[in-house]
Structure formats: structure tokens, C-alpha cells
N, C-alpha and C. Protein backbone atom coordinates (compact mmCIF):
# COMPACT_ATOMS: atom_id res chain seq x y z
N MET A 1 -16.43 1.97 21.37
CA MET A 1 -16.21 2.55 19.58
C MET A 1 -16.00 3.64 19.37
N ALA A 2 -15.29 4.02 18.63
CA ALA A 2 -14.23 5.23 18.38
C ALA A 2 -14.98 5.52 16.76
N ILE A 3 -15.00 7.04 16.72
CA ILE A 3 -15.12 7.18 15.34
C ILE A 3 -14.09 7.87 14.75
N LEU A 4 -13.56 7.33 13.98
CA LEU A 4 -11.75 7.46 13.13
C LEU A 4 -12.13 8.79 12.43
N PRO A 5 -10.80 9.38 12.12
CA PRO A 5 -10.61 10.03 10.85
C PRO A 5 -10.41 9.24 9.82
N ILE A 6 -11.11 9.74 8.56
CA ILE A 6 -11.33 9.37 7.39
C ILE A 6 -9.99 10.49 6.49
N LEU A 7 -8.99 8.87 6.28
CA LEU A 7 -7.87 10.04 4.98
C LEU A 7 -9.01 10.73 3.87
N CYS A 8 -8.40 12.11 3.26
CA CYS A 8 -8.64 12.00 2.00
C CYS A 8 -8.01 12.78 1.10
N PHE A 9 -8.73 11.99 -0.25
CA PHE A 9 -7.72 12.09 -1.74
C PHE A 9 -7.47 13.70 -1.64
N PRO A 10 -6.10 14.27 -1.99
CA PRO A 10 -5.43 13.00 -2.57
C PRO A 10 -3.90 12.56 -1.51
N ASP A 11 -4.08 12.50 -0.55
CA ASP A 11 -3.22 12.15 0.62
C ASP A 11 -2.54 10.99 0.31
N PRO A 12 -1.31 10.38 0.31
CA PRO A 12 -0.66 9.69 -0.17
C PRO A 12 -0.61 8.36 0.40
N ARG A 13 -1.12 8.80 1.49
CA ARG A 13 -1.56 7.27 2.45
C ARG A 13 -2.18 6.86 1.97
N LEU A 14 -3.22 7.07 1.54
CA LEU A 14 -4.63 5.70 0.68
C LEU A 14 -3.95 5.24 -0.65
N HIS A 15 -2.36 5.85 -0.87
CA HIS A 15 -1.90 4.87 -1.90
C HIS A 15 -0.93 3.71 -1.42
N LYS A 16 -0.82 3.31 0.19
CA LYS A 16 -0.33 2.37 0.42
C LYS A 16 -0.82 1.07 0.68
N VAL A 17 -0.56 0.31 -0.07
CA VAL A 17 -0.84 -1.42 -0.12
C VAL A 17 -1.20 -1.72 1.60
N ALA A 18 -2.02 -2.84 1.48
CA ALA A 18 -2.43 -3.12 2.92
C ALA A 18 -1.76 -4.52 2.81
N LYS A 19 -1.33 -4.58 4.17
CA LYS A 19 -0.74 -5.88 4.81
C LYS A 19 -1.72 -7.08 4.98
N PRO A 20 -1.19 -8.32 4.22
CA PRO A 20 -2.64 -9.41 5.22
C PRO A 20 -2.73 -9.30 6.73
N VAL A 21 -3.93 -9.19 7.51
CA VAL A 21 -3.72 -9.95 8.98
C VAL A 21 -3.16 -11.15 9.05
N ALA A 22 -2.18 -11.19 10.36
CA ALA A 22 -1.95 -12.37 11.06
C ALA A 22 -2.26 -13.01 11.62
N ALA A 23 -3.18 -12.65 12.63
CA ALA A 23 -4.18 -12.90 13.30
C ALA A 23 -5.38 -12.11 13.29
N VAL A 24 -6.86 -12.86 13.54
CA VAL A 24 -8.07 -12.06 13.82
C VAL A 24 -8.06 -12.25 15.49
N ASP A 25 -7.57 -11.09 16.09
CA ASP A 25 -7.51 -10.94 17.84
C ASP A 25 -8.60 -9.57 18.22
N GLU A 26 -7.92 -9.79 19.56
CA GLU A 26 -8.58 -8.54 20.21
C GLU A 26 -8.48 -7.14 19.92
N ARG A 27 -7.33 -6.91 18.67
CA ARG A 27 -6.87 -5.36 18.30
C ARG A 27 -7.83 -6.22 16.86
N ILE A 28 -7.88 -6.41 16.61
CA ILE A 28 -8.63 -6.56 15.35
C ILE A 28 -10.03 -6.21 14.99
N GLN A 29 -10.79 -6.92 16.07
CA GLN A 29 -11.91 -7.10 16.35
C GLN A 29 -12.17 -5.60 16.83
N THR A 30 -11.42 -5.06 17.66
CA THR A 30 -11.57 -3.67 17.81
C THR A 30 -11.63 -2.66 16.80
N LEU A 31 -11.07 -2.88 15.90
CA LEU A 31 -10.61 -1.87 14.59
C LEU A 31 -11.78 -2.62 13.91
N VAL A 32 -12.49 -2.98 13.37
CA VAL A 32 -13.67 -3.58 12.99
C VAL A 32 -15.13 -2.96 13.45
N ALA A 33 -14.92 -3.20 15.12
CA ALA A 33 -16.04 -2.45 15.39
C ALA A 33 -15.73 -0.46 15.49
N ASP A 34 -14.68 -0.21 15.06
CA ASP A 34 -14.39 1.06 15.06
C ASP A 34 -14.70 1.22 13.23
N MET A 35 -13.94 0.85 12.92
CA MET A 35 -14.81 0.91 11.35
C MET A 35 -16.08 1.28 11.23
N LEU A 36 -17.09 0.25 11.49
CA LEU A 36 -17.98 -0.17 11.65
C LEU A 36 -18.76 1.47 12.23
N ALA A 37 -18.45 1.64 13.17
CA ALA A 37 -19.24 2.83 13.77
C ALA A 37 -18.67 3.95 13.08
N THR A 38 -17.17 3.95 12.51
CA THR A 38 -17.03 5.51 11.64
C THR A 38 -17.52 5.61 9.96
N MET A 39 -18.00 4.23 9.70
CA MET A 39 -18.45 4.20 8.37
C MET A 39 -20.09 4.54 8.28
N TYR A 40 -20.88 4.00 9.57
CA TYR A 40 -22.18 4.69 9.81
C TYR A 40 -22.09 5.95 10.21
N ASP A 41 -21.09 6.19 10.84
CA ASP A 41 -21.48 7.62 11.09
C ASP A 41 -21.08 9.17 9.72
N ALA A 42 -20.45 8.31 8.85
CA ALA A 42 -19.79 8.63 7.84
C ALA A 42 -21.15 8.64 6.76
N HIS A 43 -22.16 7.89 6.72
CA HIS A 43 -23.21 7.80 5.66
C HIS A 43 -22.78 6.73 4.86
N GLY A 44 -21.66 6.21 5.21
CA GLY A 44 -21.03 5.59 4.48
C GLY A 44 -21.81 3.92 3.78
N ILE A 45 -21.31 3.45 3.12
CA ILE A 45 -21.43 1.57 2.77
C ILE A 45 -20.32 1.18 2.95
N GLY A 46 -19.27 1.45 2.80
CA GLY A 46 -18.40 0.66 2.85
C GLY A 46 -16.90 1.35 3.30
N LEU A 47 -16.47 0.72 3.87
CA LEU A 47 -14.71 1.22 4.49
C LEU A 47 -13.41 0.29 4.41
N ALA A 48 -12.31 0.79 4.16
CA ALA A 48 -11.49 -0.18 4.49
C ALA A 48 -10.16 0.59 4.85
N ALA A 49 -9.56 -0.44 5.75
CA ALA A 49 -8.51 0.20 6.77
C ALA A 49 -8.00 0.91 6.10
N THR A 50 -7.27 1.17 5.11
CA THR A 50 -6.68 2.24 4.44
C THR A 50 -7.08 3.42 4.56
N GLN A 51 -8.07 4.01 4.19
CA GLN A 51 -8.92 5.23 4.44
C GLN A 51 -8.85 5.41 5.85
N ILE A 52 -8.29 5.06 6.97
CA ILE A 52 -8.58 5.64 8.00
C ILE A 52 -6.83 5.52 8.62
N ASP A 53 -5.98 5.30 7.85
CA ASP A 53 -4.68 4.83 7.87
C ASP A 53 -4.40 3.59 8.79
N VAL A 54 -4.53 2.62 8.36
CA VAL A 54 -4.54 1.43 9.12
C VAL A 54 -4.41 0.16 7.76
N HIS A 55 -3.17 0.22 7.54
CA HIS A 55 -2.68 -0.66 6.18
C HIS A 55 -2.55 -1.92 6.38
N GLU A 56 -3.83 -2.57 6.90
CA GLU A 56 -3.93 -3.64 7.17
C GLU A 56 -5.11 -4.23 6.52
N ARG A 57 -5.52 -5.81 5.98
CA ARG A 57 -6.10 -6.03 4.91
C ARG A 57 -7.83 -6.55 5.35
N VAL A 58 -8.55 -5.15 6.03
CA VAL A 58 -9.48 -5.00 6.59
C VAL A 58 -10.73 -4.32 5.94
N VAL A 59 -11.62 -5.12 5.44
CA VAL A 59 -12.97 -4.10 4.93
C VAL A 59 -14.43 -4.24 5.79
N VAL A 60 -15.06 -3.29 5.36
CA VAL A 60 -16.41 -3.15 6.49
C VAL A 60 -17.33 -2.56 5.35
N ILE A 61 -18.79 -3.52 5.32
CA ILE A 61 -19.49 -3.07 4.07
C ILE A 61 -20.76 -3.34 5.09
N ASP A 62 -21.66 -2.32 4.60
CA ASP A 62 -23.31 -2.69 5.09
C ASP A 62 -24.33 -1.73 3.57
N VAL A 63 -24.52 -2.57 3.22
CA VAL A 63 -25.56 -1.59 1.33
C VAL A 63 -27.40 -2.28 2.01
N SER A 64 -27.28 -2.48 2.92
CA SER A 64 -28.65 -3.23 3.82
C SER A 64 -29.18 -1.38 3.74
N GLU A 65 -30.72 -1.77 3.41
CA GLU A 65 -30.90 -0.48 4.13
C GLU A 65 -31.80 0.18 5.08
N GLU A 66 -31.79 -1.02 6.04
CA GLU A 66 -31.67 -1.17 7.57
C GLU A 66 -30.41 -0.17 8.42
N ARG A 67 -29.37 -0.37 7.68
CA ARG A 67 -27.93 -0.38 7.87
C ARG A 67 -27.80 -1.53 9.60
N ASP A 68 -28.25 -2.64 9.66
CA ASP A 68 -28.00 -3.40 10.00
C ASP A 68 -27.76 -4.89 9.59
N GLN A 69 -26.94 -4.96 8.42
CA GLN A 69 -26.17 -6.31 7.85
C GLN A 69 -24.82 -5.90 7.61
N PRO A 70 -23.72 -5.56 8.57
CA PRO A 70 -22.43 -5.41 8.32
C PRO A 70 -21.96 -6.83 7.77
N LEU A 71 -20.89 -6.55 6.86
CA LEU A 71 -20.17 -7.79 6.22
C LEU A 71 -18.63 -7.40 6.41
N VAL A 72 -18.45 -8.04 7.18
CA VAL A 72 -16.40 -7.83 7.71
C VAL A 72 -15.47 -8.80 6.78
N LEU A 73 -14.89 -7.80 5.87
CA LEU A 73 -14.52 -8.99 5.18
C LEU A 73 -12.24 -9.00 5.80
N ILE A 74 -11.98 -9.60 5.86
CA ILE A 74 -10.59 -9.61 6.66
C ILE A 74 -9.69 -11.09 5.91
N ASN A 75 -8.70 -10.09 5.07
CA ASN A 75 -7.79 -10.82 4.06
C ASN A 75 -8.59 -11.43 3.12
N PRO A 76 -9.67 -10.54 2.20
CA PRO A 76 -10.07 -11.05 1.42
C PRO A 76 -9.73 -11.19 -0.12
N GLU A 77 -10.14 -11.96 -0.85
CA GLU A 77 -9.75 -12.31 -2.49
C GLU A 77 -11.19 -12.23 -2.91
N ILE A 78 -11.01 -12.29 -4.14
CA ILE A 78 -11.18 -12.34 -5.44
C ILE A 78 -11.20 -13.73 -5.89
N THR A 79 -11.98 -14.21 -5.60
CA THR A 79 -11.76 -15.76 -6.53
C THR A 79 -12.47 -15.67 -8.00
N TRP A 80 -13.11 -15.31 -8.11
CA TRP A 80 -14.05 -15.13 -9.49
C TRP A 80 -14.51 -13.95 -9.76
N ALA A 81 -14.78 -13.17 -11.34
CA ALA A 81 -15.34 -12.34 -11.18
C ALA A 81 -15.92 -12.37 -12.53
N SER A 82 -17.17 -12.02 -12.80
CA SER A 82 -18.49 -12.57 -13.69
C SER A 82 -17.61 -11.57 -14.99
N PRO A 83 -17.05 -11.77 -16.36
CA PRO A 83 -16.76 -11.06 -17.44
C PRO A 83 -17.82 -10.16 -17.79
N GLU A 84 -19.14 -10.31 -17.04
CA GLU A 84 -19.90 -9.15 -17.48
C GLU A 84 -19.75 -7.88 -16.57
N LYS A 85 -19.92 -6.61 -17.48
CA LYS A 85 -18.88 -5.54 -16.58
C LYS A 85 -20.42 -4.40 -16.78
N GLN A 86 -20.21 -3.76 -15.50
CA GLN A 86 -21.56 -2.42 -15.70
C GLN A 86 -20.76 -1.29 -15.40
N VAL A 87 -20.89 0.06 -15.91
CA VAL A 87 -20.49 1.07 -15.43
C VAL A 87 -21.73 2.36 -14.65
N GLY A 88 -21.14 2.01 -13.53
CA GLY A 88 -22.30 2.79 -12.31
C GLY A 88 -21.44 3.87 -11.95
N ASP A 89 -21.82 4.88 -11.34
CA ASP A 89 -21.83 6.09 -10.43
C ASP A 89 -21.25 5.56 -9.00
N GLU A 90 -19.83 5.97 -9.00
CA GLU A 90 -19.38 5.63 -7.27
C GLU A 90 -18.98 6.72 -6.77
N GLY A 91 -19.25 7.02 -5.84
CA GLY A 91 -18.77 7.52 -4.52
C GLY A 91 -17.84 7.14 -3.30
N CYS A 92 -17.28 7.76 -2.78
CA CYS A 92 -16.25 7.04 -1.62
C CYS A 92 -15.65 8.23 -0.69
N LEU A 93 -16.05 7.53 0.35
CA LEU A 93 -15.95 8.38 2.03
C LEU A 93 -14.60 9.70 1.62
N SER A 94 -13.10 8.77 0.90
CA SER A 94 -11.95 9.59 1.11
C SER A 94 -12.54 10.67 -0.27
N VAL A 95 -13.16 10.71 -1.18
CA VAL A 95 -13.48 11.67 -1.96
C VAL A 95 -15.13 12.41 -1.63
N PRO A 96 -15.22 12.70 -1.10
CA PRO A 96 -16.53 13.65 -0.62
C PRO A 96 -17.24 14.47 -1.29
N GLY A 97 -18.39 14.04 -1.61
CA GLY A 97 -18.66 14.67 -2.76
C GLY A 97 -18.96 14.44 -4.55
N ILE A 98 -18.10 13.32 -4.78
CA ILE A 98 -17.55 13.50 -5.78
C ILE A 98 -18.08 11.91 -6.15
N TYR A 99 -18.85 12.01 -7.59
CA TYR A 99 -19.31 10.28 -7.90
C TYR A 99 -18.72 10.88 -9.28
N ASP A 100 -18.98 9.06 -9.47
CA ASP A 100 -18.77 9.57 -11.48
C ASP A 100 -18.27 7.78 -11.75
N GLY A 101 -18.57 7.65 -12.93
CA GLY A 101 -18.75 6.00 -13.33
C GLY A 101 -17.70 5.25 -13.89
N VAL A 102 -17.67 4.31 -13.02
CA VAL A 102 -16.45 3.15 -13.07
C VAL A 102 -16.84 2.09 -13.36
N GLU A 103 -16.16 1.25 -14.39
CA GLU A 103 -16.63 -0.03 -15.33
C GLU A 103 -16.17 -1.21 -14.32
N ARG A 104 -16.85 -1.53 -13.08
CA ARG A 104 -16.60 -3.02 -12.45
C ARG A 104 -17.34 -4.68 -12.61
N SER A 105 -17.05 -5.04 -12.95
CA SER A 105 -17.91 -6.95 -13.00
C SER A 105 -18.72 -6.34 -11.94
N THR A 106 -20.17 -7.15 -12.93
CA THR A 106 -21.64 -7.41 -12.28
C THR A 106 -21.61 -8.33 -11.10
N ARG A 107 -21.35 -9.16 -10.85
CA ARG A 107 -20.73 -10.13 -10.05
C ARG A 107 -18.97 -10.10 -9.70
N VAL A 108 -18.99 -11.05 -8.32
CA VAL A 108 -18.12 -11.30 -7.96
C VAL A 108 -18.15 -12.40 -6.20
N HIS A 109 -17.08 -13.34 -6.41
CA HIS A 109 -16.97 -14.44 -5.53
C HIS A 109 -15.66 -14.18 -4.71
N VAL A 110 -15.87 -13.80 -3.12
CA VAL A 110 -14.70 -13.07 -2.40
C VAL A 110 -15.04 -14.19 -1.29
N LYS A 111 -13.43 -14.54 -0.89
CA LYS A 111 -13.46 -15.59 0.21
C LYS A 111 -12.64 -14.58 1.39
N ALA A 112 -12.75 -14.81 2.28
CA ALA A 112 -12.45 -14.04 3.54
C ALA A 112 -12.74 -14.36 4.77
N LEU A 113 -11.80 -13.98 5.65
CA LEU A 113 -12.22 -13.76 7.17
C LEU A 113 -12.93 -13.21 7.60
N ASN A 114 -13.91 -13.64 8.54
CA ASN A 114 -15.01 -12.59 9.10
C ASN A 114 -14.54 -11.99 10.42
N GLU A 115 -14.89 -11.10 11.62
CA GLU A 115 -14.58 -10.74 12.70
C GLU A 115 -14.03 -11.70 13.42
N LYS A 116 -14.19 -13.01 13.51
CA LYS A 116 -14.50 -13.61 14.64
C LYS A 116 -12.93 -14.75 13.94
N GLY A 117 -12.34 -14.33 13.27
CA GLY A 117 -11.47 -15.14 12.11
C GLY A 117 -11.71 -16.47 11.76
N GLN A 118 -13.08 -17.05 10.84
CA GLN A 118 -13.67 -18.08 10.29
C GLN A 118 -13.50 -17.37 9.06
N PRO A 119 -13.52 -18.46 8.34
CA PRO A 119 -13.14 -18.30 6.49
C PRO A 119 -14.83 -18.38 6.08
N HIS A 120 -15.05 -17.62 5.39
CA HIS A 120 -16.67 -17.56 4.35
C HIS A 120 -16.19 -16.95 3.14
N THR A 121 -17.05 -17.37 2.95
CA THR A 121 -17.38 -17.27 1.20
C THR A 121 -18.92 -16.18 1.12
N VAL A 122 -18.21 -15.07 0.12
CA VAL A 122 -19.72 -14.28 -0.28
C VAL A 122 -19.56 -14.06 -1.99
N GLU A 123 -20.87 -14.41 -1.91
CA GLU A 123 -21.18 -14.52 -3.68
C GLU A 123 -21.92 -13.41 -3.78
N ALA A 124 -21.95 -12.11 -4.52
CA ALA A 124 -22.09 -10.55 -4.33
C ALA A 124 -22.59 -10.46 -5.96
N GLU A 125 -23.51 -9.46 -6.20
CA GLU A 125 -23.96 -9.20 -7.30
C GLU A 125 -24.58 -7.54 -6.97
N GLY A 126 -25.03 -6.78 -8.12
CA GLY A 126 -25.48 -5.72 -8.04
C GLY A 126 -24.49 -4.50 -7.24
N LEU A 127 -24.82 -3.75 -6.25
CA LEU A 127 -24.01 -2.76 -5.12
C LEU A 127 -23.36 -3.68 -4.31
N LEU A 128 -23.73 -4.65 -4.03
CA LEU A 128 -22.39 -5.14 -3.17
C LEU A 128 -21.33 -6.04 -3.42
N ALA A 129 -21.74 -6.09 -4.92
CA ALA A 129 -20.31 -6.35 -6.01
C ALA A 129 -19.74 -5.50 -6.07
N VAL A 130 -19.90 -4.05 -6.65
CA VAL A 130 -19.30 -3.05 -6.74
C VAL A 130 -18.63 -2.58 -6.01
N CYS A 131 -19.60 -2.35 -4.28
CA CYS A 131 -18.84 -2.11 -3.24
C CYS A 131 -17.41 -2.93 -2.63
N ILE A 132 -17.60 -3.96 -2.90
CA ILE A 132 -16.58 -5.51 -2.31
C ILE A 132 -15.39 -5.02 -3.48
N GLN A 133 -15.41 -4.59 -4.84
CA GLN A 133 -14.73 -4.48 -5.78
C GLN A 133 -13.61 -2.81 -5.08
N HIS A 134 -15.03 -2.10 -5.27
CA HIS A 134 -14.36 -0.63 -4.83
C HIS A 134 -13.36 -0.79 -3.26
N GLU A 135 -13.97 -0.78 -2.39
CA GLU A 135 -12.94 -1.47 -0.99
C GLU A 135 -11.62 -2.35 -1.44
N MET A 136 -12.16 -3.01 -1.97
CA MET A 136 -10.08 -4.27 -2.01
C MET A 136 -9.46 -2.86 -3.09
N ASP A 137 -9.90 -1.95 -3.67
CA ASP A 137 -8.92 -1.39 -4.51
C ASP A 137 -8.13 -0.56 -3.49
N HIS A 138 -8.97 -0.24 -2.44
CA HIS A 138 -7.85 0.94 -1.52
C HIS A 138 -7.65 0.07 -0.82
N LEU A 139 -7.48 -1.35 -0.56
CA LEU A 139 -5.99 -1.78 0.33
C LEU A 139 -5.08 -2.60 -0.79
N LEU A 140 -5.39 -1.88 -2.17
CA LEU A 140 -4.30 -2.19 -3.05
C LEU A 140 -3.21 -0.55 -2.97
N GLY A 141 -4.02 0.32 -2.54
CA GLY A 141 -3.48 1.76 -2.58
C GLY A 141 -4.38 2.56 -3.76
N LYS A 142 -4.99 2.30 -4.37
CA LYS A 142 -6.13 2.58 -5.58
C LYS A 142 -7.26 3.20 -4.91
N VAL A 143 -7.42 4.92 -5.62
CA VAL A 143 -9.10 5.31 -5.22
C VAL A 143 -9.92 5.19 -6.73
N PHE A 144 -11.07 4.98 -6.70
CA PHE A 144 -11.91 5.26 -7.80
C PHE A 144 -11.72 6.16 -8.51
N VAL A 145 -11.08 7.50 -8.15
CA VAL A 145 -10.70 8.48 -9.79
C VAL A 145 -9.50 8.26 -10.25
N GLU A 146 -8.91 7.24 -9.74
CA GLU A 146 -7.86 6.77 -10.57
C GLU A 146 -8.00 5.85 -12.12
N TYR A 147 -9.54 5.46 -11.71
CA TYR A 147 -10.37 5.13 -13.28
C TYR A 147 -10.47 5.95 -13.98
N LEU A 148 -10.75 7.21 -13.71
CA LEU A 148 -10.98 8.41 -14.95
C LEU A 148 -10.08 8.97 -15.53
N SER A 149 -10.64 9.90 -16.33
CA SER A 149 -8.97 10.47 -17.08
C SER A 149 -8.33 11.19 -16.26
N PRO A 150 -6.83 11.41 -16.73
CA PRO A 150 -6.07 12.83 -16.03
C PRO A 150 -6.57 13.26 -16.01
N LEU A 151 -7.94 14.76 -16.56
CA LEU A 151 -8.19 15.42 -16.75
C LEU A 151 -8.83 15.88 -15.40
N LYS A 152 -10.24 14.47 -15.59
CA LYS A 152 -11.26 14.35 -14.47
C LYS A 152 -10.36 14.11 -12.94
N ARG A 153 -9.53 13.58 -12.73
CA ARG A 153 -8.70 13.09 -11.57
C ARG A 153 -7.73 14.82 -11.05
N ASN A 154 -7.58 15.52 -12.03
CA ASN A 154 -6.55 16.34 -11.76
C ASN A 154 -7.86 17.83 -11.25
N ARG A 155 -8.98 17.67 -11.63
CA ARG A 155 -10.00 18.65 -11.31
C ARG A 155 -10.50 18.95 -9.88
N ILE A 156 -10.62 16.72 -9.84
CA ILE A 156 -11.15 16.51 -8.35
C ILE A 156 -10.13 16.47 -7.63
N LYS A 157 -8.67 16.74 -8.03
CA LYS A 157 -7.41 16.63 -6.91
C LYS A 157 -7.24 17.91 -6.43
N THR A 158 -7.92 19.19 -7.07
CA THR A 158 -7.78 20.44 -6.68
C THR A 158 -8.58 20.86 -5.78
N LYS A 159 -10.06 20.21 -6.52
CA LYS A 159 -11.62 20.43 -5.81
C LYS A 159 -11.07 19.83 -4.38
N MET A 160 -10.53 18.90 -4.05
CA MET A 160 -10.16 18.28 -2.68
C MET A 160 -9.14 18.83 -2.01
N LEU A 161 -7.91 19.28 -2.92
CA LEU A 161 -6.70 20.76 -2.18
C LEU A 161 -7.79 21.72 -1.52
N LYS A 162 -8.41 21.73 -2.09
CA LYS A 162 -8.84 23.74 -2.15
C LYS A 162 -10.19 23.37 -0.72
N GLN A 163 -10.71 22.21 -0.99
CA GLN A 163 -11.80 21.99 -0.21
C GLN A 163 -11.06 21.64 1.49
N GLN A 164 -10.04 21.09 1.89
CA GLN A 164 -9.10 20.66 2.79
C GLN A 164 -8.01 21.92 2.96
N ARG A 165 -7.96 23.04 2.39
CA ARG A 165 -7.53 23.98 2.70
C ARG A 165 -8.65 25.42 3.15
N GLY A 166 -10.08 25.25 2.79
CA GLY A 166 -10.89 25.89 3.51
C GLY A 166 -10.88 25.38 4.76
N ASN A 167 -11.17 24.19 4.47
CA ASN A 167 -11.11 24.02 6.21
C ASN A 167 -10.50 24.15 7.31
N ARG A 168 -9.21 23.94 7.21
CA ARG A 168 -8.08 24.16 7.54
C ARG A 168 -8.39 26.00 8.49
N GLU A 169 -9.07 26.87 7.26
CA GLU A 169 -8.81 28.27 7.63
C GLU A 169 -9.19 28.88 8.43
């Protein structure tokens, strides 16, 4: 399993829309294993393939305390979202150190394929529901800061660019 580099906002590749996975084969299974290793290494709770510059509909999530309950969603589709919404602080491995409030549905139902290519349905609430919605946004080329005001978004963009320049020097 490889630890892969995570793209950082405002990298334009984060805005690419992911294509459906045609077949869950060995390549996709390796991708899933690498994504899980990368997510755990970065102390994240979710990672979309878009964030590692692979533009296919693959998401890995683990919101468990023990970090031992990975959830794999290939070609995920939200089939139902609760009308009840809640604002919660979100962060992102592609926007390190930044947290801000985003409104999301409190519960969602998702159908997807698992890492073996088998269909499954997930009924999620709380943190898992938020995480699923956040990661699925990545597959659509959307980063959580896009929910914020243009002023906040520009401040974050400036801060991220400054950090990236500092890391290169």
C-alpha cells in the first residue's frame, strides 16, 4: 500500500468531475487500499479519489474511534437525503488547518459498490452522513470552501497559496 500525495486547494484538479468506475478490478482494489493508507496516514476520516488526482468515483471513509471500520463507496449515489439540515464545522485533507460551518442533510441513504464490486446500501446519520456528502462533493469537483462566502473563500485561497509557497522554499 502506497501513501499518495493529496492535492491542496486551490489546485484546479480538485474541480474535475470524476467518471464512474467501469469495473471493480485489481487496479481499483489497489487504489482503494492506497486511499485507505493515505487517509489513515493523514489522520483523515474520508478521502475521495479526486483528492489524489484520480478522477474516478471512489470514496473511502472511516469515522470509527478505533479507525478499523473502513467504508468503501464506488460509484456512490445518494438515493435519499433528509429535509432536516444542520450546520457543522468541516475540515478537509485538501484544505489543511481550515475548519468552517457547512449546512448538510442530517441523514442520507447511499447506494454504491464495495471494494469487491458488490452493491450495498448505507443509511447514515450524524458524522457519517456529513462525511459522505463532503466526499461525494469532491467527486463533483466541489471543495467545502465553495459553500463559504467569497470573502472567506478568498482568504483561505490566499492562506493556502502562501503555505504552499513556504513549503517549496
